[in-house]
Structures are given as structure tokens and as C-alpha cells.
Protein backbone atom coordinates (compact mmCIF):
# COMPACT_ATOMS: atom_id res chain seq x y z
CA MET A 1 16.43 -30.70 -18.26
CA ARG A 2 13.49 -30.61 -20.69
CA VAL A 3 10.39 -32.70 -20.08
CA PRO A 4 8.57 -34.19 -23.10
CA PRO A 5 4.98 -32.98 -23.65
CA SER A 6 3.44 -36.31 -22.59
CA ALA A 7 5.26 -36.19 -19.27
CA ARG A 8 4.18 -32.59 -18.71
CA VAL A 9 0.53 -33.55 -19.22
CA ALA A 10 0.84 -36.36 -16.70
CA LEU A 11 2.49 -34.04 -14.21
CA LEU A 12 -0.23 -31.42 -14.62
CA LEU A 13 -2.88 -34.08 -14.00
CA LEU A 14 -1.13 -35.00 -10.76
CA ILE A 15 -1.06 -31.38 -9.71
CA ALA A 16 -4.78 -31.05 -10.43
CA ALA A 17 -5.42 -34.10 -8.26
CA CYS A 18 -3.35 -32.49 -5.52
CA SER A 19 -5.43 -29.33 -5.51
CA ASN A 20 -8.68 -31.28 -5.18
CA SER A 21 -7.58 -33.66 -2.42
CA GLY A 22 -7.71 -31.47 0.67
CA THR A 23 -7.04 -28.08 2.15
CA GLY A 24 -3.27 -28.44 2.30
CA SER A 25 -3.30 -25.96 5.17
CA THR A 26 -1.02 -26.02 8.16
CA ASP A 27 -2.81 -22.94 9.54
CA THR A 28 -6.06 -24.86 10.07
CA GLY A 29 -4.47 -28.00 11.47
CA VAL A 30 -5.21 -30.10 8.36
CA ASN A 31 -2.38 -32.27 7.07
CA PRO A 32 -1.16 -31.50 3.55
CA PRO A 33 -2.55 -33.89 0.91
CA VAL A 34 -0.57 -36.63 -0.78
CA CYS A 35 0.14 -35.21 -4.23
CA ALA A 36 2.72 -34.33 -6.85
CA THR A 37 5.87 -32.86 -5.36
CA SER A 38 6.67 -30.73 -8.41
CA PHE A 39 4.92 -28.44 -10.88
CA VAL A 40 5.77 -26.60 -14.09
CA ASN A 41 5.46 -22.96 -15.12
CA PRO A 42 3.31 -21.32 -16.30
CA ILE A 43 0.54 -22.19 -13.86
CA GLY A 44 -2.29 -20.36 -15.63
CA ASN A 45 -3.36 -17.81 -18.19
CA GLY A 46 -3.77 -14.12 -17.51
CA ALA A 47 -1.85 -11.08 -16.34
CA ASP A 48 -1.23 -8.85 -13.31
CA PRO A 49 -1.58 -11.66 -10.74
CA TRP A 50 -2.32 -10.68 -7.17
CA VAL A 51 -2.25 -13.40 -4.50
CA VAL A 52 -3.00 -13.24 -0.75
CA ARG A 53 -2.63 -16.09 1.74
CA SER A 54 -5.28 -16.11 4.46
CA GLU A 55 -6.28 -18.81 6.96
CA GLY A 56 -4.48 -21.55 5.07
CA ARG A 57 -5.82 -20.70 1.63
CA TYR A 58 -4.67 -18.61 -1.31
CA TYR A 59 -6.96 -15.95 -2.72
CA SER A 60 -6.24 -14.41 -6.09
CA VAL A 61 -8.07 -11.67 -7.94
CA GLU A 62 -8.52 -11.10 -11.66
CA SER A 63 -10.33 -8.72 -14.01
CA ARG A 64 -12.19 -10.42 -16.86
CA ASP A 65 -15.59 -10.46 -18.53
CA ASN A 66 -16.01 -6.78 -17.60
CA GLY A 67 -15.85 -7.48 -13.89
CA ILE A 68 -13.66 -8.63 -11.01
CA PHE A 69 -13.32 -12.24 -9.83
CA VAL A 70 -11.85 -13.59 -6.59
CA TYR A 71 -10.57 -17.19 -6.57
CA ARG A 72 -9.91 -19.52 -3.63
CA SER A 73 -7.37 -22.34 -3.74
CA ASP A 74 -5.65 -24.63 -1.28
CA THR A 75 -2.44 -24.58 -3.31
CA LEU A 76 -0.23 -21.84 -4.68
CA THR A 77 0.43 -23.76 -7.90
CA ASN A 78 -3.22 -23.99 -8.98
CA LEU A 79 -4.74 -20.61 -8.20
CA GLN A 80 -7.60 -20.21 -10.66
CA LYS A 81 -10.20 -22.28 -8.77
CA ASN A 82 -13.53 -21.59 -7.09
CA GLY A 83 -13.93 -18.21 -8.78
CA VAL A 84 -16.66 -15.78 -7.71
CA LYS A 85 -17.54 -12.63 -9.64
CA VAL A 86 -17.64 -10.05 -6.85
CA TRP A 87 -18.26 -6.88 -8.86
CA SER A 88 -19.47 -5.58 -12.21
CA PRO A 89 -19.55 -1.90 -13.21
CA THR A 90 -22.65 0.03 -14.16
CA SER A 91 -23.18 0.70 -17.85
CA SER A 92 -22.55 4.45 -17.63
CA GLY A 93 -20.23 5.14 -14.70
CA TRP A 94 -16.69 6.51 -14.61
CA ASN A 95 -15.50 2.91 -14.32
CA GLU A 96 -17.61 1.25 -17.00
CA SER A 97 -14.77 -0.30 -19.00
CA ASP A 98 -11.05 -1.14 -19.19
CA ILE A 99 -10.96 -2.74 -15.74
CA TRP A 100 -7.33 -3.48 -14.95
CA ALA A 101 -5.07 -5.09 -12.37
CA PRO A 102 -7.23 -5.53 -9.24
CA GLU A 103 -5.49 -6.07 -5.91
CA LEU A 104 -6.89 -7.68 -2.75
CA HIS A 105 -5.91 -6.30 0.68
CA PHE A 106 -7.07 -7.01 4.25
CA ILE A 107 -7.08 -3.72 6.16
CA ASP A 108 -8.67 -2.99 9.55
CA GLY A 109 -10.96 -6.00 9.54
CA ARG A 110 -12.29 -5.75 5.98
CA TRP A 111 -11.15 -6.80 2.52
CA TYR A 112 -10.51 -4.12 -0.08
CA ILE A 113 -10.05 -4.47 -3.82
CA TYR A 114 -8.19 -1.67 -5.57
CA TYR A 115 -8.54 -1.53 -9.34
CA ALA A 116 -8.18 0.76 -12.35
CA ALA A 117 -10.99 1.51 -14.78
CA GLY A 118 -12.29 4.20 -17.10
CA ARG A 119 -14.59 5.10 -19.95
CA PRO A 120 -14.21 3.97 -23.56
CA GLY A 121 -11.75 6.25 -25.35
CA PRO A 122 -12.25 7.99 -28.70
CA PRO A 123 -11.35 6.20 -31.94
CA GLY A 124 -7.66 5.58 -32.49
CA LEU A 125 -5.32 3.34 -30.51
CA ASP A 126 -3.20 6.17 -29.11
CA ALA A 127 -6.32 7.92 -27.78
CA ALA A 128 -7.60 4.88 -25.87
CA PHE A 129 -7.23 4.40 -22.11
CA THR A 130 -6.89 8.12 -21.35
CA ASP A 131 -9.60 8.17 -18.64
CA GLN A 132 -8.19 5.54 -16.28
CA ARG A 133 -8.65 6.23 -12.57
CA ALA A 134 -8.30 4.24 -9.33
CA GLY A 135 -11.30 2.77 -7.53
CA VAL A 136 -11.87 0.64 -4.43
CA LEU A 137 -14.38 -1.96 -3.25
CA GLU A 138 -15.00 -2.87 0.42
CA SER A 139 -16.22 -6.24 1.68
CA THR A 140 -19.32 -6.25 3.85
CA GLY A 141 -17.84 -9.02 6.01
CA THR A 142 -14.60 -10.94 6.39
CA ASP A 143 -14.94 -13.27 3.41
CA PRO A 144 -12.45 -12.35 0.63
CA GLN A 145 -15.03 -13.56 -1.89
CA GLY A 146 -17.51 -10.94 -0.84
CA PRO A 147 -20.00 -9.50 -1.07
CA TYR A 148 -18.49 -6.06 -1.75
CA VAL A 149 -19.75 -2.49 -1.95
CA ASP A 150 -18.28 0.12 -4.26
CA LYS A 151 -16.53 2.90 -2.30
CA GLY A 152 -15.91 4.94 -5.44
CA MET A 153 -12.98 6.67 -7.08
CA LEU A 154 -9.88 7.67 -5.13
CA TYR A 155 -8.44 11.14 -5.56
CA THR A 156 -5.01 10.93 -7.20
CA GLY A 157 -4.42 14.56 -8.16
CA ASP A 158 -2.71 17.66 -6.80
CA ASP A 159 -5.65 19.35 -5.03
CA VAL A 160 -6.63 16.99 -2.27
CA VAL A 161 -8.63 19.71 -0.46
CA GLY A 162 -10.72 20.85 -3.39
CA GLN A 163 -10.73 17.44 -5.11
CA THR A 164 -10.48 19.16 -8.51
CA ASP A 165 -8.83 17.89 -11.69
CA ASN A 166 -8.29 14.28 -10.73
CA VAL A 167 -5.32 12.84 -12.62
CA TRP A 168 -4.89 9.57 -14.55
CA ALA A 169 -3.92 6.68 -12.27
CA ILE A 170 -3.61 2.89 -12.43
CA ASP A 171 -2.30 0.01 -10.31
CA LEU A 172 -2.96 1.58 -6.92
CA THR A 173 -1.71 -0.42 -3.94
CA ALA A 174 -1.81 0.23 -0.19
CA ALA A 175 0.25 -0.66 2.87
CA ARG A 176 1.09 0.54 6.36
CA ILE A 177 4.51 2.00 7.14
CA ASN A 178 5.12 2.62 10.86
CA GLY A 179 1.39 2.32 11.47
CA GLN A 180 0.36 4.88 8.85
CA LEU A 181 -1.56 3.82 5.74
CA TYR A 182 -0.17 4.91 2.36
CA ALA A 183 -1.26 4.52 -1.25
CA VAL A 184 1.20 4.14 -4.13
CA TRP A 185 0.21 4.14 -7.79
CA SER A 186 1.33 4.71 -11.36
CA GLY A 187 0.22 8.07 -12.76
CA TRP A 188 0.74 10.85 -15.26
CA GLU A 189 2.05 14.29 -14.38
CA GLN A 190 -1.08 15.71 -16.01
CA ASN A 191 -3.99 14.42 -18.05
CA ARG A 192 -3.33 13.94 -21.74
CA THR A 193 -5.28 13.04 -24.87
CA THR A 194 -2.97 10.11 -25.65
CA HIS A 195 -1.94 7.18 -23.48
CA VAL A 196 1.53 7.30 -24.99
CA THR A 197 2.56 9.34 -21.95
CA PRO A 198 5.31 8.71 -19.38
CA GLN A 199 4.13 7.05 -16.16
CA HIS A 200 5.63 7.79 -12.74
CA LEU A 201 5.19 6.38 -9.24
CA TYR A 202 3.30 8.53 -6.72
CA ILE A 203 2.61 8.17 -3.00
CA ALA A 204 0.07 9.77 -0.65
CA ARG A 205 -1.14 9.26 2.90
CA MET A 206 -4.58 7.75 3.57
CA SER A 207 -6.95 8.32 6.48
CA ASN A 208 -8.77 5.06 5.71
CA PRO A 209 -8.64 2.51 2.90
CA TRP A 210 -10.84 4.61 0.59
CA THR A 211 -9.67 8.17 1.36
CA ILE A 212 -6.41 9.86 0.31
CA VAL A 213 -5.72 12.89 2.50
CA THR A 214 -2.49 14.35 1.15
CA SER A 215 -1.65 15.59 -2.30
CA ARG A 216 0.43 13.13 -4.26
CA VAL A 217 4.23 13.09 -4.18
CA LYS A 218 6.25 11.73 -7.09
CA ILE A 219 8.85 9.32 -5.73
CA SER A 220 10.19 7.74 -8.92
CA SER A 221 10.37 8.31 -12.69
CA PRO A 222 11.60 6.13 -15.58
CA GLU A 223 15.01 7.77 -15.90
CA GLU A 224 17.53 4.92 -15.83
CA GLN A 225 18.74 3.38 -19.08
CA TRP A 226 17.23 0.01 -18.15
CA GLU A 227 13.81 1.71 -17.74
CA ILE A 228 13.79 3.49 -21.11
CA GLY A 229 11.69 1.72 -23.72
CA PRO A 230 11.55 2.15 -27.48
CA GLN A 231 7.91 3.30 -27.39
CA LEU A 232 6.94 4.33 -23.85
CA ASN A 233 8.81 5.15 -20.64
CA LEU A 234 6.86 3.95 -17.65
CA GLN A 235 6.79 2.65 -14.12
CA GLU A 236 3.68 0.73 -13.07
CA GLY A 237 2.39 -2.19 -11.02
CA PRO A 238 3.98 -1.14 -7.69
CA GLY A 239 3.77 -3.62 -4.84
CA PHE A 240 5.08 -3.39 -1.28
CA LEU A 241 7.51 -6.04 -0.06
CA VAL A 242 8.80 -6.10 3.54
CA ASN A 243 11.83 -7.95 4.92
CA GLY A 244 12.28 -7.30 8.63
CA THR A 245 12.83 -3.55 8.99
CA ASN A 246 13.34 -3.11 5.24
CA THR A 247 10.48 -1.73 3.15
CA PHE A 248 10.60 -2.08 -0.63
CA ILE A 249 8.39 -1.19 -3.57
CA VAL A 250 8.78 -3.60 -6.47
CA TYR A 251 7.52 -2.14 -9.75
CA SER A 252 7.35 -2.94 -13.46
CA THR A 253 9.05 -0.90 -16.14
CA ARG A 254 9.41 -0.81 -19.96
CA GLU A 255 6.39 -1.64 -22.16
CA SER A 256 4.11 -4.42 -20.89
CA PHE A 257 3.41 -5.62 -24.44
CA LEU A 258 7.09 -6.05 -25.36
CA PRO A 259 9.58 -8.77 -24.31
CA ASP A 260 11.77 -6.39 -22.27
CA TYR A 261 9.18 -5.72 -19.55
CA ARG A 262 11.01 -6.14 -16.21
CA LEU A 263 11.05 -5.37 -12.49
CA GLY A 264 12.77 -2.52 -10.65
CA LEU A 265 13.12 -1.86 -6.93
CA LEU A 266 12.69 1.12 -4.60
CA ARG A 267 14.00 0.88 -1.05
CA LEU A 268 13.03 3.05 1.90
CA THR A 269 16.34 4.34 3.19
CA SER A 270 15.59 3.61 6.85
CA PRO A 271 12.71 2.41 9.02
CA THR A 272 12.17 5.99 10.25
CA ALA A 273 12.48 7.74 6.87
CA ASP A 274 9.49 9.79 5.69
CA PRO A 275 7.81 7.87 2.83
CA LEU A 276 6.44 11.19 1.48
CA ASP A 277 9.96 12.53 0.94
CA PRO A 278 11.29 11.45 -2.50
CA SER A 279 14.84 11.40 -1.11
CA SER A 280 13.76 8.60 1.26
CA TRP A 281 13.65 6.15 -1.66
CA THR A 282 16.63 4.68 -3.51
CA LYS A 283 16.31 2.83 -6.81
CA SER A 284 18.05 -0.29 -8.12
CA GLY A 285 17.51 -2.59 -11.02
CA PRO A 286 16.62 -4.36 -13.02
CA VAL A 287 16.00 -6.95 -10.32
CA PHE A 288 14.11 -9.47 -12.50
CA THR A 289 14.21 -9.87 -16.29
CA GLY A 290 13.05 -12.39 -18.85
CA ALA A 291 14.94 -15.48 -20.00
CA PRO A 292 14.45 -15.68 -23.79
CA ASN A 293 16.45 -18.90 -24.12
CA ASP A 294 14.00 -20.54 -21.71
CA GLY A 295 10.85 -19.22 -23.39
CA VAL A 296 10.16 -16.49 -20.83
CA TYR A 297 9.67 -12.91 -22.08
CA GLY A 298 8.51 -9.67 -20.48
CA VAL A 299 8.33 -10.58 -16.78
CA GLY A 300 6.45 -8.15 -14.57
CA HIS A 301 3.57 -7.05 -12.35
CA ALA A 302 4.37 -9.26 -9.38
CA SER A 303 2.86 -10.03 -6.00
CA PHE A 304 4.43 -11.90 -3.08
CA THR A 305 3.31 -14.57 -0.66
CA LEU A 306 4.54 -17.39 1.57
CA SER A 307 4.54 -21.17 1.20
CA PRO A 308 1.78 -23.03 3.09
CA ASP A 309 4.11 -23.64 6.06
CA GLY A 310 5.36 -20.03 6.02
CA ALA A 311 8.97 -21.07 5.53
CA GLU A 312 9.51 -19.87 1.95
CA ASN A 313 8.99 -16.61 0.06
CA TRP A 314 7.34 -16.86 -3.37
CA ILE A 315 6.88 -14.38 -6.19
CA VAL A 316 3.83 -14.64 -8.45
CA TYR A 317 4.17 -12.76 -11.74
CA HIS A 318 3.19 -12.81 -15.38
CA ALA A 319 5.36 -13.24 -18.45
CA LYS A 320 4.89 -13.36 -22.17
CA SER A 321 5.32 -16.68 -23.95
CA LEU A 322 6.21 -15.09 -27.30
CA ASN A 323 8.93 -12.70 -28.40
CA ALA A 324 6.44 -10.76 -30.56
CA PRO A 325 4.59 -7.64 -29.33
CA GLY A 326 1.20 -8.17 -27.72
CA TRP A 327 -0.72 -8.80 -24.50
CA ASP A 328 -2.67 -11.96 -25.36
CA ASP A 329 0.18 -14.39 -24.67
CA ARG A 330 0.72 -13.40 -21.03
CA LYS A 331 0.64 -16.23 -18.49
CA VAL A 332 0.91 -16.52 -14.69
CA ARG A 333 4.05 -18.01 -13.16
CA THR A 334 5.42 -18.51 -9.65
CA GLN A 335 8.76 -19.40 -8.07
CA LYS A 336 10.62 -19.24 -4.77
CA PHE A 337 12.92 -16.31 -4.00
CA THR A 338 15.49 -15.54 -1.32
CA TRP A 339 17.14 -12.50 0.30
CA ASN A 340 20.55 -10.98 -0.33
CA ALA A 341 22.93 -10.13 2.52
CA ASP A 342 21.88 -6.45 2.34
CA GLY A 343 18.22 -7.38 2.84
CA THR A 344 17.14 -6.90 -0.78
CA PRO A 345 15.15 -9.61 -2.58
CA ASN A 346 16.96 -12.03 -4.87
CA PHE A 347 14.47 -13.19 -7.50
CA GLY A 348 17.06 -15.07 -9.54
CA ARG A 349 16.10 -16.05 -13.08
CA PRO A 350 12.66 -17.11 -14.31
CA THR A 351 12.27 -20.86 -14.13
CA PRO A 352 12.32 -22.35 -17.65
CA THR A 353 8.97 -23.10 -19.23
CA GLY A 354 7.96 -26.72 -18.70
CA THR A 355 10.78 -27.62 -16.30
CA PRO A 356 9.66 -29.35 -13.07
CA VAL A 357 10.00 -27.24 -9.93
CA LEU A 358 9.54 -28.38 -6.33
CA VAL A 359 6.18 -27.29 -4.92
CA PRO A 360 6.11 -24.75 -2.06
CA SER A 361 7.09 -26.30 1.25
CA GLY A 362 4.16 -27.62 3.23
CA GLN A 363 1.93 -27.95 0.15
CA CYS A 364 2.23 -31.72 -0.19
CA ARG A 365 3.60 -34.67 1.78
């Protein structure tokens, strides 16, 4: 069913009223507000959405205006509220520009923001973005909106002892597997003078949220036909997803500026498998692709959260709104997902643009 533009506007106004009418949190004992029971995608502008649910609220993080912002919202369907700029780079550091894809994680009693950044590249499009590295910020307290201190660049190369020749890295994420903290990121095999370079997924063990203590191990490369793009073969935007004893890494593949951007899946072969052994990971995909007939192109770079009552699993991702190449038309979307009988996620198809969707359970009454 298609909703006329006037009805969509009215629905969006109802949703806005919902987000301003209370906490909507079952975690804090506050009843959900009376509000619209449906919403439409997309829910906002931007790319690389990362959402965390904590103490009945949703926190999302975004890079813009040469800095990093953390937002706080009572609803999953209206995330870009109450934004606070928590960090800006210095004018001459390793991370002075091209700040990409921040992620927000609560680890050992503090909040950490992992991000990619670099220095301005030389003239020429193909020579840009060749100095990207991974950095991390640490909160001084327990508030996701800061303040934060800069813990510096993480080492993502092959000489973890000598810390020499750090290698290009973006989209670093972190999670515990069997109690041990690991980092996973998208990187190059070696530094190059052009960003038109294949990107692979690497993993390493961490001693704390800002220190990598093992040399990197490549666990996946863009080798399948559905990962091969016309201009660049890549895997990026990895994110951990856990279902019971099953550990997955959901990642993006193909070019982010083209309409065939999509999601792939790595699965840890068993709960006791060594994450640093490449044979411990099996690949499948694509597990989520665009829906051109519904106005959804280039889906990717996802994060995962729960509904306010904890009963539903939701994916938050970005997609292009145009079939033409480019990054400027990317928008944030969200929808419920389920699990297959084998424990893998079932993301289904992207919900059509402008079609009403039921809000997450527990968000409204």
C-alpha cells in the first residue's frame, strides 16, 4: 500500500509528538507514551548509523561538522534528538579530517567511541583517503554523551611489538567472545597511494578497549561473486551480532556509493572456536540487499538493537534513495528482523519507502 504525501506528513507529525511526550521506557518503570503506532522509513538523514540502547533510552552516534555527536532519544524511530558534540579533532593531528563511522560501546564501566579519521590527501580523487586509521575516545564517567578523552590511534598493522608501519584501517568495532575482548576492522593488506584498493576484514585481541596486543589476522576477503564490484572489491562496516551461543559478524560489501551495496555474514563455527583462526569463520550472503522497486538502494553499514520492551530485534541501517552513484542521498532506516531455524539472522527485505510500519513493541500504548 502507498500512502499519499499529505498522509505521510501527518503521520510524521504524530511520530514527532510521540518522541516528545515521555521517556517510553519500560526499563525505568515509566509507561510508554500515547502516540502513533506506526512510522515510515527512512527515519532520518545520514549514513553508518550506530545505535545503543541503555537504561531505557537509545543513543546514536554520528560524524558531522568535523566532529562526533552523540544523540539521546526515547524512541527508536526518531533517533536524531538531543545531540551533543562530544569531540573535535585538533587542526594538525593524525585524525584532523575525514572522520567516519563512529561506534559507541559500553565496556568495563566506561563508554568508548571507535572512529576512523586521517589527514587530507593529495590532489586527485583516487589519492584521497589514503591515511585513514582507527582511533578511540573514552568517557570520563558513565554518561554516553560525555565528556570524553582521546585515547589515540589503535595499532592495526603486522608488528604489534614494535608498533611500526601502521596500516590503513576503518570501521573498527569491538566485542567480547568467551570473555576475551577482540577488535575487528576493515583494512588494506598494505598501505597504498590510492584508495582504490581491496579492503579485507581483520581481527586482533585487545588487552583493554584502547590497546591491541596481537598482530592482525585476516579472516575474510571479498572473493565471492556477490562481493565483487565494478570499481572496488571491499568488505567494511563489520558489526557483531549474537544469538544465544551463535556469534556473527555482519559486514557491508560492494561499493558504498553504488546501488548494489549489501550485507554479508560471517559465523563463528562454534562457541569454543578460536576467533583468531580464519578457519573458524564461515561466510554466507548476501543476507540483505536493496529493493529498487520500493525506492531502496545500496543497503549497508548496520547496527542492531532491541525494542523498548526487549521483545523484538531491530536492524538500523542506511540506504541510498537514488539509483545514481553518490553518497549524499543516504538515509537512515530501521526495521524488525527475526531468526532462521539455524540461528542465523533473517533480515527479510527493506521496508518500502513511505509505507507505514508498526513501531517497536513497547514504544507506544
